[in-house]
Amino acid sequence: RQLLRAGREYDRLFGRGAFAREARVVLTATCGFFVL
């Protein structure tokens, strides 16, 4: 619940969908580093 609330606050500050974009970047980077 705290993570979801933080996501809503992040979207409110940086625009709609910003949290999802940030999460996608972090996930992609993590997977890339794992593969490398």
PDB file of all heavy atoms in Angstrom:
ATOM      1  N   ARG A   1       0.836  -1.212   0.000  1.00  0.00           N
ATOM      2  CA  ARG A   1       0.000   0.000   0.000  1.00  0.00           C
ATOM      3  C   ARG A   1       0.864   1.253   0.000  1.00  0.00           C
ATOM      4  O   ARG A   1       0.555   2.229  -0.682  1.00  0.00           O
ATOM      5  CB  ARG A   1      -0.929   0.006   1.202  1.00  0.00           C
ATOM      6  CG  ARG A   1      -2.072  -0.946   1.061  1.00  0.00           C
ATOM      7  CD  ARG A   1      -3.035  -0.815   2.215  1.00  0.00           C
ATOM      8  NE  ARG A   1      -4.119  -1.782   2.070  1.00  0.00           N
ATOM      9  CZ  ARG A   1      -4.874  -2.192   3.045  1.00  0.00           C
ATOM     10  NH1 ARG A   1      -4.685  -1.724   4.269  1.00  0.00           N
ATOM     11  NH2 ARG A   1      -5.830  -3.057   2.837  1.00  0.00           N
ATOM     12  N   GLN A   2       1.961   1.235   0.758  1.00  0.00           N
ATOM     13  CA  GLN A   2       2.858   2.387   0.782  1.00  0.00           C
ATOM     14  C   GLN A   2       3.498   2.607  -0.584  1.00  0.00           C
ATOM     15  O   GLN A   2       3.650   3.744  -1.025  1.00  0.00           O
ATOM     16  CB  GLN A   2       3.933   2.192   1.846  1.00  0.00           C
ATOM     17  CG  GLN A   2       3.415   2.308   3.253  1.00  0.00           C
ATOM     18  CD  GLN A   2       4.493   2.042   4.283  1.00  0.00           C
ATOM     19  OE1 GLN A   2       5.535   1.472   3.981  1.00  0.00           O
ATOM     20  NE2 GLN A   2       4.232   2.459   5.519  1.00  0.00           N
ATOM     21  N   LEU A   3       3.877   1.522  -1.261  1.00  0.00           N
ATOM     22  CA  LEU A   3       4.453   1.634  -2.600  1.00  0.00           C
ATOM     23  C   LEU A   3       3.440   2.213  -3.582  1.00  0.00           C
ATOM     24  O   LEU A   3       3.773   3.088  -4.389  1.00  0.00           O
ATOM     25  CB  LEU A   3       4.947   0.269  -3.085  1.00  0.00           C
ATOM     26  CG  LEU A   3       5.596   0.238  -4.461  1.00  0.00           C
ATOM     27  CD1 LEU A   3       6.849   1.115  -4.472  1.00  0.00           C
ATOM     28  CD2 LEU A   3       5.934  -1.177  -4.856  1.00  0.00           C
ATOM     29  N   LEU A   4       2.192   1.751  -3.520  1.00  0.00           N
ATOM     30  CA  LEU A   4       1.156   2.282  -4.406  1.00  0.00           C
ATOM     31  C   LEU A   4       0.888   3.757  -4.115  1.00  0.00           C
ATOM     32  O   LEU A   4       0.716   4.567  -5.041  1.00  0.00           O
ATOM     33  CB  LEU A   4      -0.129   1.470  -4.254  1.00  0.00           C
ATOM     34  CG  LEU A   4      -0.072   0.031  -4.769  1.00  0.00           C
ATOM     35  CD1 LEU A   4      -1.358  -0.713  -4.421  1.00  0.00           C
ATOM     36  CD2 LEU A   4       0.185  -0.002  -6.257  1.00  0.00           C
ATOM     37  N   ARG A   5       0.874   4.124  -2.843  1.00  0.00           N
ATOM     38  CA  ARG A   5       0.671   5.527  -2.470  1.00  0.00           C
ATOM     39  C   ARG A   5       1.828   6.384  -2.977  1.00  0.00           C
ATOM     40  O   ARG A   5       1.631   7.477  -3.501  1.00  0.00           O
ATOM     41  CB  ARG A   5       0.547   5.649  -0.953  1.00  0.00           C
ATOM     42  CG  ARG A   5       0.209   7.068  -0.503  1.00  0.00           C
ATOM     43  CD  ARG A   5       0.059   7.188   1.008  1.00  0.00           C
ATOM     44  NE  ARG A   5      -0.835   6.181   1.564  1.00  0.00           N
ATOM     45  CZ  ARG A   5      -0.507   5.346   2.553  1.00  0.00           C
ATOM     46  NH1 ARG A   5       0.703   5.402   3.094  1.00  0.00           N
ATOM     47  NH2 ARG A   5      -1.367   4.466   3.013  1.00  0.00           N
ATOM     48  N   ALA A   6       3.056   5.870  -2.844  1.00  0.00           N
ATOM     49  CA  ALA A   6       4.222   6.601  -3.339  1.00  0.00           C
ATOM     50  C   ALA A   6       4.145   6.778  -4.848  1.00  0.00           C
ATOM     51  O   ALA A   6       4.501   7.829  -5.382  1.00  0.00           O
ATOM     52  CB  ALA A   6       5.505   5.871  -2.956  1.00  0.00           C
ATOM     53  N   GLY A   7       3.661   5.747  -5.544  1.00  0.00           N
ATOM     54  CA  GLY A   7       3.498   5.852  -6.993  1.00  0.00           C
ATOM     55  C   GLY A   7       2.493   6.922  -7.379  1.00  0.00           C
ATOM     56  O   GLY A   7       2.719   7.683  -8.329  1.00  0.00           O
ATOM     57  N   ARG A   8       1.383   6.982  -6.658  1.00  0.00           N
ATOM     58  CA  ARG A   8       0.379   8.021  -6.943  1.00  0.00           C
ATOM     59  C   ARG A   8       0.939   9.410  -6.688  1.00  0.00           C
ATOM     60  O   ARG A   8       0.711  10.336  -7.469  1.00  0.00           O
ATOM     61  CB  ARG A   8      -0.875   7.784  -6.105  1.00  0.00           C
ATOM     62  CG  ARG A   8      -1.712   6.626  -6.589  1.00  0.00           C
ATOM     63  CD  ARG A   8      -3.074   6.592  -5.924  1.00  0.00           C
ATOM     64  NE  ARG A   8      -2.990   6.454  -4.470  1.00  0.00           N
ATOM     65  CZ  ARG A   8      -2.962   5.309  -3.809  1.00  0.00           C
ATOM     66  NH1 ARG A   8      -3.012   4.175  -4.479  1.00  0.00           N
ATOM     67  NH2 ARG A   8      -2.902   5.283  -2.492  1.00  0.00           N
ATOM     68  N   GLU A   9       1.702   9.575  -5.605  1.00  0.00           N
ATOM     69  CA  GLU A   9       2.303  10.877  -5.305  1.00  0.00           C
ATOM     70  C   GLU A   9       3.338  11.255  -6.362  1.00  0.00           C
ATOM     71  O   GLU A   9       3.424  12.406  -6.777  1.00  0.00           O
ATOM     72  CB  GLU A   9       2.939  10.846  -3.919  1.00  0.00           C
ATOM     73  CG  GLU A   9       1.935  10.772  -2.790  1.00  0.00           C
ATOM     74  CD  GLU A   9       2.594  10.623  -1.435  1.00  0.00           C
ATOM     75  OE1 GLU A   9       3.832  10.772  -1.346  1.00  0.00           O
ATOM     76  OE2 GLU A   9       1.867  10.345  -0.468  1.00  0.00           O
ATOM     77  N   TYR A  10       4.115  10.286  -6.809  1.00  0.00           N
ATOM     78  CA  TYR A  10       5.117  10.527  -7.854  1.00  0.00           C
ATOM     79  C   TYR A  10       4.439  10.983  -9.140  1.00  0.00           C
ATOM     80  O   TYR A  10       4.882  11.926  -9.787  1.00  0.00           O
ATOM     81  CB  TYR A  10       5.904   9.233  -8.085  1.00  0.00           C
ATOM     82  CG  TYR A  10       7.156   9.397  -8.914  1.00  0.00           C
ATOM     83  CD1 TYR A  10       8.367   9.688  -8.295  1.00  0.00           C
ATOM     84  CD2 TYR A  10       7.136   9.257 -10.290  1.00  0.00           C
ATOM     85  CE1 TYR A  10       9.521   9.829  -9.039  1.00  0.00           C
ATOM     86  CE2 TYR A  10       8.282   9.403 -11.039  1.00  0.00           C
ATOM     87  CZ  TYR A  10       9.475   9.683 -10.405  1.00  0.00           C
ATOM     88  OH  TYR A  10      10.612   9.830 -11.151  1.00  0.00           O
ATOM     89  N   ASP A  11       3.353  10.307  -9.509  1.00  0.00           N
ATOM     90  CA  ASP A  11       2.605  10.702 -10.708  1.00  0.00           C
ATOM     91  C   ASP A  11       2.016  12.101 -10.551  1.00  0.00           C
ATOM     92  O   ASP A  11       1.992  12.880 -11.506  1.00  0.00           O
ATOM     93  CB  ASP A  11       1.477   9.700 -10.996  1.00  0.00           C
ATOM     94  CG  ASP A  11       1.991   8.434 -11.665  1.00  0.00           C
ATOM     95  OD1 ASP A  11       3.116   8.458 -12.185  1.00  0.00           O
ATOM     96  OD2 ASP A  11       1.250   7.435 -11.678  1.00  0.00           O
ATOM     97  N   ARG A  12       1.547  12.407  -9.364  1.00  0.00           N
ATOM     98  CA  ARG A  12       0.959  13.726  -9.127  1.00  0.00           C
ATOM     99  C   ARG A  12       2.025  14.816  -9.276  1.00  0.00           C
ATOM    100  O   ARG A  12       1.770  15.884  -9.813  1.00  0.00           O
ATOM    101  CB  ARG A  12       0.333  13.766  -7.736  1.00  0.00           C
ATOM    102  CG  ARG A  12      -0.581  14.927  -7.519  1.00  0.00           C
ATOM    103  CD  ARG A  12      -1.442  14.843  -6.262  1.00  0.00           C
ATOM    104  NE  ARG A  12      -0.986  14.018  -5.157  1.00  0.00           N
ATOM    105  CZ  ARG A  12      -1.519  12.832  -4.819  1.00  0.00           C
ATOM    106  NH1 ARG A  12      -2.541  12.350  -5.500  1.00  0.00           N
ATOM    107  NH2 ARG A  12      -1.060  12.159  -3.791  1.00  0.00           N
ATOM    108  N   LEU A  13       3.254  14.532  -8.849  1.00  0.00           N
ATOM    109  CA  LEU A  13       4.327  15.515  -8.943  1.00  0.00           C
ATOM    110  C   LEU A  13       4.889  15.649 -10.362  1.00  0.00           C
ATOM    111  O   LEU A  13       5.141  16.754 -10.834  1.00  0.00           O
ATOM    112  CB  LEU A  13       5.470  15.141  -7.997  1.00  0.00           C
ATOM    113  CG  LEU A  13       5.240  15.370  -6.521  1.00  0.00           C
ATOM    114  CD1 LEU A  13       6.398  14.784  -5.723  1.00  0.00           C
ATOM    115  CD2 LEU A  13       5.105  16.841  -6.222  1.00  0.00           C
ATOM    116  N   PHE A  14       5.097  14.523 -11.037  1.00  0.00           N
ATOM    117  CA  PHE A  14       5.836  14.532 -12.297  1.00  0.00           C
ATOM    118  C   PHE A  14       4.989  14.236 -13.531  1.00  0.00           C
ATOM    119  O   PHE A  14       5.515  14.106 -14.628  1.00  0.00           O
ATOM    120  CB  PHE A  14       6.992  13.533 -12.236  1.00  0.00           C
ATOM    121  CG  PHE A  14       7.999  13.883 -11.186  1.00  0.00           C
ATOM    122  CD1 PHE A  14       8.087  13.144 -10.024  1.00  0.00           C
ATOM    123  CD2 PHE A  14       8.835  14.965 -11.346  1.00  0.00           C
ATOM    124  CE1 PHE A  14       9.007  13.467  -9.047  1.00  0.00           C
ATOM    125  CE2 PHE A  14       9.761  15.296 -10.373  1.00  0.00           C
ATOM    126  CZ  PHE A  14       9.844  14.548  -9.223  1.00  0.00           C
ATOM    127  N   GLY A  15       3.701  14.118 -13.360  1.00  0.00           N
ATOM    128  CA  GLY A  15       2.828  13.879 -14.504  1.00  0.00           C
ATOM    129  C   GLY A  15       2.341  12.444 -14.553  1.00  0.00           C
ATOM    130  O   GLY A  15       2.964  11.533 -14.016  1.00  0.00           O
ATOM    131  N   ARG A  16       1.224  12.282 -15.231  1.00  0.00           N
ATOM    132  CA  ARG A  16       0.584  10.970 -15.290  1.00  0.00           C
ATOM    133  C   ARG A  16       1.466   9.969 -16.021  1.00  0.00           C
ATOM    134  O   ARG A  16       1.985  10.233 -17.096  1.00  0.00           O
ATOM    135  CB  ARG A  16      -0.752  11.129 -16.033  1.00  0.00           C
ATOM    136  CG  ARG A  16      -1.592   9.901 -15.995  1.00  0.00           C
ATOM    137  CD  ARG A  16      -2.954  10.185 -16.567  1.00  0.00           C
ATOM    138  NE  ARG A  16      -3.721   8.960 -16.612  1.00  0.00           N
ATOM    139  CZ  ARG A  16      -4.505   8.629 -17.603  1.00  0.00           C
ATOM    140  NH1 ARG A  16      -4.638   9.438 -18.624  1.00  0.00           N
ATOM    141  NH2 ARG A  16      -5.164   7.513 -17.564  1.00  0.00           N
ATOM    142  N   GLY A  17       1.643   8.811 -15.422  1.00  0.00           N
ATOM    143  CA  GLY A  17       2.429   7.741 -16.031  1.00  0.00           C
ATOM    144  C   GLY A  17       3.921   7.826 -15.749  1.00  0.00           C
ATOM    145  O   GLY A  17       4.683   6.989 -16.204  1.00  0.00           O
ATOM    146  N   ALA A  18       4.353   8.836 -15.000  1.00  0.00           N
ATOM    147  CA  ALA A  18       5.779   8.998 -14.726  1.00  0.00           C
ATOM    148  C   ALA A  18       6.320   7.837 -13.895  1.00  0.00           C
ATOM    149  O   ALA A  18       7.427   7.365 -14.129  1.00  0.00           O
ATOM    150  CB  ALA A  18       6.038  10.323 -14.014  1.00  0.00           C
ATOM    151  N   PHE A  19       5.533   7.363 -12.934  1.00  0.00           N
ATOM    152  CA  PHE A  19       5.979   6.258 -12.076  1.00  0.00           C
ATOM    153  C   PHE A  19       6.185   4.993 -12.901  1.00  0.00           C
ATOM    154  O   PHE A  19       7.174   4.286 -12.732  1.00  0.00           O
ATOM    155  CB  PHE A  19       4.959   6.022 -10.964  1.00  0.00           C
ATOM    156  CG  PHE A  19       5.371   4.981  -9.963  1.00  0.00           C
ATOM    157  CD1 PHE A  19       6.364   5.246  -9.045  1.00  0.00           C
ATOM    158  CD2 PHE A  19       4.766   3.740  -9.941  1.00  0.00           C
ATOM    159  CE1 PHE A  19       6.750   4.297  -8.121  1.00  0.00           C
ATOM    160  CE2 PHE A  19       5.150   2.786  -9.012  1.00  0.00           C
ATOM    161  CZ  PHE A  19       6.137   3.057  -8.111  1.00  0.00           C
ATOM    162  N   ALA A  20       5.270   4.725 -13.830  1.00  0.00           N
ATOM    163  CA  ALA A  20       5.393   3.535 -14.673  1.00  0.00           C
ATOM    164  C   ALA A  20       6.616   3.636 -15.584  1.00  0.00           C
ATOM    165  O   ALA A  20       7.334   2.649 -15.781  1.00  0.00           O
ATOM    166  CB  ALA A  20       4.129   3.345 -15.503  1.00  0.00           C
ATOM    167  N   ARG A  21       6.859   4.839 -16.136  1.00  0.00           N
ATOM    168  CA  ARG A  21       8.038   5.019 -16.988  1.00  0.00           C
ATOM    169  C   ARG A  21       9.319   4.799 -16.188  1.00  0.00           C
ATOM    170  O   ARG A  21      10.251   4.134 -16.655  1.00  0.00           O
ATOM    171  CB  ARG A  21       8.040   6.413 -17.605  1.00  0.00           C
ATOM    172  CG  ARG A  21       7.077   6.580 -18.744  1.00  0.00           C
ATOM    173  CD  ARG A  21       7.307   7.888 -19.495  1.00  0.00           C
ATOM    174  NE  ARG A  21       7.201   9.067 -18.642  1.00  0.00           N
ATOM    175  CZ  ARG A  21       6.075   9.707 -18.392  1.00  0.00           C
ATOM    176  NH1 ARG A  21       4.938   9.287 -18.934  1.00  0.00           N
ATOM    177  NH2 ARG A  21       6.060  10.773 -17.611  1.00  0.00           N
ATOM    178  N   GLU A  22       9.359   5.352 -14.989  1.00  0.00           N
ATOM    179  CA  GLU A  22      10.542   5.202 -14.135  1.00  0.00           C
ATOM    180  C   GLU A  22      10.755   3.733 -13.762  1.00  0.00           C
ATOM    181  O   GLU A  22      11.876   3.234 -13.796  1.00  0.00           O
ATOM    182  CB  GLU A  22      10.368   6.047 -12.876  1.00  0.00           C
ATOM    183  CG  GLU A  22      11.578   6.101 -11.992  1.00  0.00           C
ATOM    184  CD  GLU A  22      12.690   6.958 -12.542  1.00  0.00           C
ATOM    185  OE1 GLU A  22      12.417   7.830 -13.390  1.00  0.00           O
ATOM    186  OE2 GLU A  22      13.840   6.747 -12.134  1.00  0.00           O
ATOM    187  N   ALA A  23       9.676   3.046 -13.433  1.00  0.00           N
ATOM    188  CA  ALA A  23       9.779   1.630 -13.074  1.00  0.00           C
ATOM    189  C   ALA A  23      10.278   0.816 -14.264  1.00  0.00           C
ATOM    190  O   ALA A  23      11.090  -0.103 -14.103  1.00  0.00           O
ATOM    191  CB  ALA A  23       8.430   1.106 -12.605  1.00  0.00           C
ATOM    192  N   ARG A  24       9.816   1.153 -15.467  1.00  0.00           N
ATOM    193  CA  ARG A  24      10.251   0.449 -16.672  1.00  0.00           C
ATOM    194  C   ARG A  24      11.741   0.661 -16.909  1.00  0.00           C
ATOM    195  O   ARG A  24      12.466  -0.273 -17.251  1.00  0.00           O
ATOM    196  CB  ARG A  24       9.447   0.936 -17.877  1.00  0.00           C
ATOM    197  CG  ARG A  24       9.550   0.035 -19.069  1.00  0.00           C
ATOM    198  CD  ARG A  24       8.625   0.465 -20.210  1.00  0.00           C
ATOM    199  NE  ARG A  24       7.333   0.948 -19.743  1.00  0.00           N
ATOM    200  CZ  ARG A  24       6.831   2.145 -20.037  1.00  0.00           C
ATOM    201  NH1 ARG A  24       7.494   2.978 -20.797  1.00  0.00           N
ATOM    202  NH2 ARG A  24       5.651   2.494 -19.581  1.00  0.00           N
ATOM    203  N   VAL A  25      12.221   1.881 -16.694  1.00  0.00           N
ATOM    204  CA  VAL A  25      13.648   2.175 -16.866  1.00  0.00           C
ATOM    205  C   VAL A  25      14.480   1.387 -15.856  1.00  0.00           C
ATOM    206  O   VAL A  25      15.501   0.788 -16.211  1.00  0.00           O
ATOM    207  CB  VAL A  25      13.909   3.692 -16.731  1.00  0.00           C
ATOM    208  CG1 VAL A  25      15.386   3.990 -16.597  1.00  0.00           C
ATOM    209  CG2 VAL A  25      13.319   4.441 -17.911  1.00  0.00           C
ATOM    210  N   VAL A  26      14.041   1.370 -14.609  1.00  0.00           N
ATOM    211  CA  VAL A  26      14.774   0.639 -13.568  1.00  0.00           C
ATOM    212  C   VAL A  26      14.784  -0.856 -13.863  1.00  0.00           C
ATOM    213  O   VAL A  26      15.828  -1.514 -13.750  1.00  0.00           O
ATOM    214  CB  VAL A  26      14.172   0.926 -12.173  1.00  0.00           C
ATOM    215  CG1 VAL A  26      14.750   0.003 -11.125  1.00  0.00           C
ATOM    216  CG2 VAL A  26      14.397   2.381 -11.808  1.00  0.00           C
ATOM    217  N   LEU A  27      13.650  -1.404 -14.274  1.00  0.00           N
ATOM    218  CA  LEU A  27      13.581  -2.830 -14.585  1.00  0.00           C
ATOM    219  C   LEU A  27      14.472  -3.176 -15.776  1.00  0.00           C
ATOM    220  O   LEU A  27      15.200  -4.176 -15.749  1.00  0.00           O
ATOM    221  CB  LEU A  27      12.132  -3.238 -14.879  1.00  0.00           C
ATOM    222  CG  LEU A  27      11.917  -4.704 -15.222  1.00  0.00           C
ATOM    223  CD1 LEU A  27      12.308  -5.587 -14.047  1.00  0.00           C
ATOM    224  CD2 LEU A  27      10.478  -4.958 -15.620  1.00  0.00           C
ATOM    225  N   THR A  28      14.447  -2.356 -16.807  1.00  0.00           N
ATOM    226  CA  THR A  28      15.278  -2.596 -17.989  1.00  0.00           C
ATOM    227  C   THR A  28      16.756  -2.544 -17.626  1.00  0.00           C
ATOM    228  O   THR A  28      17.537  -3.400 -18.052  1.00  0.00           O
ATOM    229  CB  THR A  28      14.964  -1.558 -19.085  1.00  0.00           C
ATOM    230  OG1 THR A  28      13.572  -1.625 -19.385  1.00  0.00           O
ATOM    231  CG2 THR A  28      15.759  -1.810 -20.330  1.00  0.00           C
ATOM    232  N   ALA A  29      17.150  -1.553 -16.841  1.00  0.00           N
ATOM    233  CA  ALA A  29      18.551  -1.434 -16.432  1.00  0.00           C
ATOM    234  C   ALA A  29      18.974  -2.630 -15.576  1.00  0.00           C
ATOM    235  O   ALA A  29      20.064  -3.180 -15.763  1.00  0.00           O
ATOM    236  CB  ALA A  29      18.766  -0.137 -15.669  1.00  0.00           C
ATOM    237  N   THR A  30      18.110  -3.043 -14.673  1.00  0.00           N
ATOM    238  CA  THR A  30      18.427  -4.191 -13.815  1.00  0.00           C
ATOM    239  C   THR A  30      18.611  -5.456 -14.637  1.00  0.00           C
ATOM    240  O   THR A  30      19.576  -6.202 -14.437  1.00  0.00           O
ATOM    241  CB  THR A  30      17.313  -4.397 -12.772  1.00  0.00           C
ATOM    242  OG1 THR A  30      17.167  -3.203 -12.009  1.00  0.00           O
ATOM    243  CG2 THR A  30      17.619  -5.558 -11.854  1.00  0.00           C
ATOM    244  N   CYS A  31      17.705  -5.686 -15.569  1.00  0.00           N
ATOM    245  CA  CYS A  31      17.823  -6.873 -16.431  1.00  0.00           C
ATOM    246  C   CYS A  31      19.071  -6.797 -17.302  1.00  0.00           C
ATOM    247  O   CYS A  31      19.765  -7.799 -17.494  1.00  0.00           O
ATOM    248  CB  CYS A  31      16.577  -7.015 -17.306  1.00  0.00           C
ATOM    249  SG  CYS A  31      15.112  -7.462 -16.390  1.00  0.00           S
ATOM    250  N   GLY A  32      19.367  -5.617 -17.809  1.00  0.00           N
ATOM    251  CA  GLY A  32      20.564  -5.442 -18.631  1.00  0.00           C
ATOM    252  C   GLY A  32      21.836  -5.737 -17.851  1.00  0.00           C
ATOM    253  O   GLY A  32      22.730  -6.439 -18.348  1.00  0.00           O
ATOM    254  N   PHE A  33      21.929  -5.211 -16.637  1.00  0.00           N
ATOM    255  CA  PHE A  33      23.107  -5.482 -15.807  1.00  0.00           C
ATOM    256  C   PHE A  33      23.205  -6.955 -15.451  1.00  0.00           C
ATOM    257  O   PHE A  33      24.298  -7.515 -15.410  1.00  0.00           O
ATOM    258  CB  PHE A  33      23.086  -4.637 -14.534  1.00  0.00           C
ATOM    259  CG  PHE A  33      23.433  -3.198 -14.776  1.00  0.00           C
ATOM    260  CD1 PHE A  33      22.580  -2.196 -14.365  1.00  0.00           C
ATOM    261  CD2 PHE A  33      24.602  -2.842 -15.419  1.00  0.00           C
ATOM    262  CE1 PHE A  33      22.890  -0.866 -14.581  1.00  0.00           C
ATOM    263  CE2 PHE A  33      24.928  -1.517 -15.640  1.00  0.00           C
ATOM    264  CZ  PHE A  33      24.060  -0.523 -15.221  1.00  0.00           C
ATOM    265  N   PHE A  34      22.076  -7.599 -15.216  1.00  0.00           N
ATOM    266  CA  PHE A  34      22.083  -9.033 -14.903  1.00  0.00           C
ATOM    267  C   PHE A  34      22.629  -9.834 -16.078  1.00  0.00           C
ATOM    268  O   PHE A  34      23.489 -10.706 -15.907  1.00  0.00           O
ATOM    269  CB  PHE A  34      20.672  -9.506 -14.540  1.00  0.00           C
ATOM    270  CG  PHE A  34      20.579 -10.985 -14.317  1.00  0.00           C
ATOM    271  CD1 PHE A  34      21.078 -11.551 -13.155  1.00  0.00           C
ATOM    272  CD2 PHE A  34      20.013 -11.816 -15.265  1.00  0.00           C
ATOM    273  CE1 PHE A  34      21.002 -12.914 -12.948  1.00  0.00           C
ATOM    274  CE2 PHE A  34      19.939 -13.180 -15.069  1.00  0.00           C
ATOM    275  CZ  PHE A  34      20.432 -13.726 -13.903  1.00  0.00           C
ATOM    276  N   VAL A  35      22.153  -9.522 -17.282  1.00  0.00           N
ATOM    277  CA  VAL A  35      22.600 -10.246 -18.472  1.00  0.00           C
ATOM    278  C   VAL A  35      24.088  -9.998 -18.699  1.00  0.00           C
ATOM    279  O   VAL A  35      24.856 -10.933 -18.965  1.00  0.00           O
ATOM    280  CB  VAL A  35      21.765  -9.832 -19.709  1.00  0.00           C
ATOM    281  CG1 VAL A  35      22.380 -10.348 -20.990  1.00  0.00           C
ATOM    282  CG2 VAL A  35      20.332 -10.338 -19.565  1.00  0.00           C
ATOM    283  N   LEU A  36      24.518  -8.744 -18.606  1.00  0.00           N
ATOM    284  CA  LEU A  36      25.936  -8.433 -18.820  1.00  0.00           C
ATOM    285  C   LEU A  36      26.830  -9.106 -17.786  1.00  0.00           C
ATOM    286  O   LEU A  36      27.891  -9.639 -18.131  1.00  0.00           O
ATOM    287  CB  LEU A  36      26.146  -6.922 -18.797  1.00  0.00           C
ATOM    288  CG  LEU A  36      25.612  -6.166 -20.005  1.00  0.00           C
ATOM    289  CD1 LEU A  36      25.793  -4.668 -19.802  1.00  0.00           C
ATOM    290  CD2 LEU A  36      26.313  -6.610 -21.272  1.00  0.00           C
TER     291      LEU A  36
END
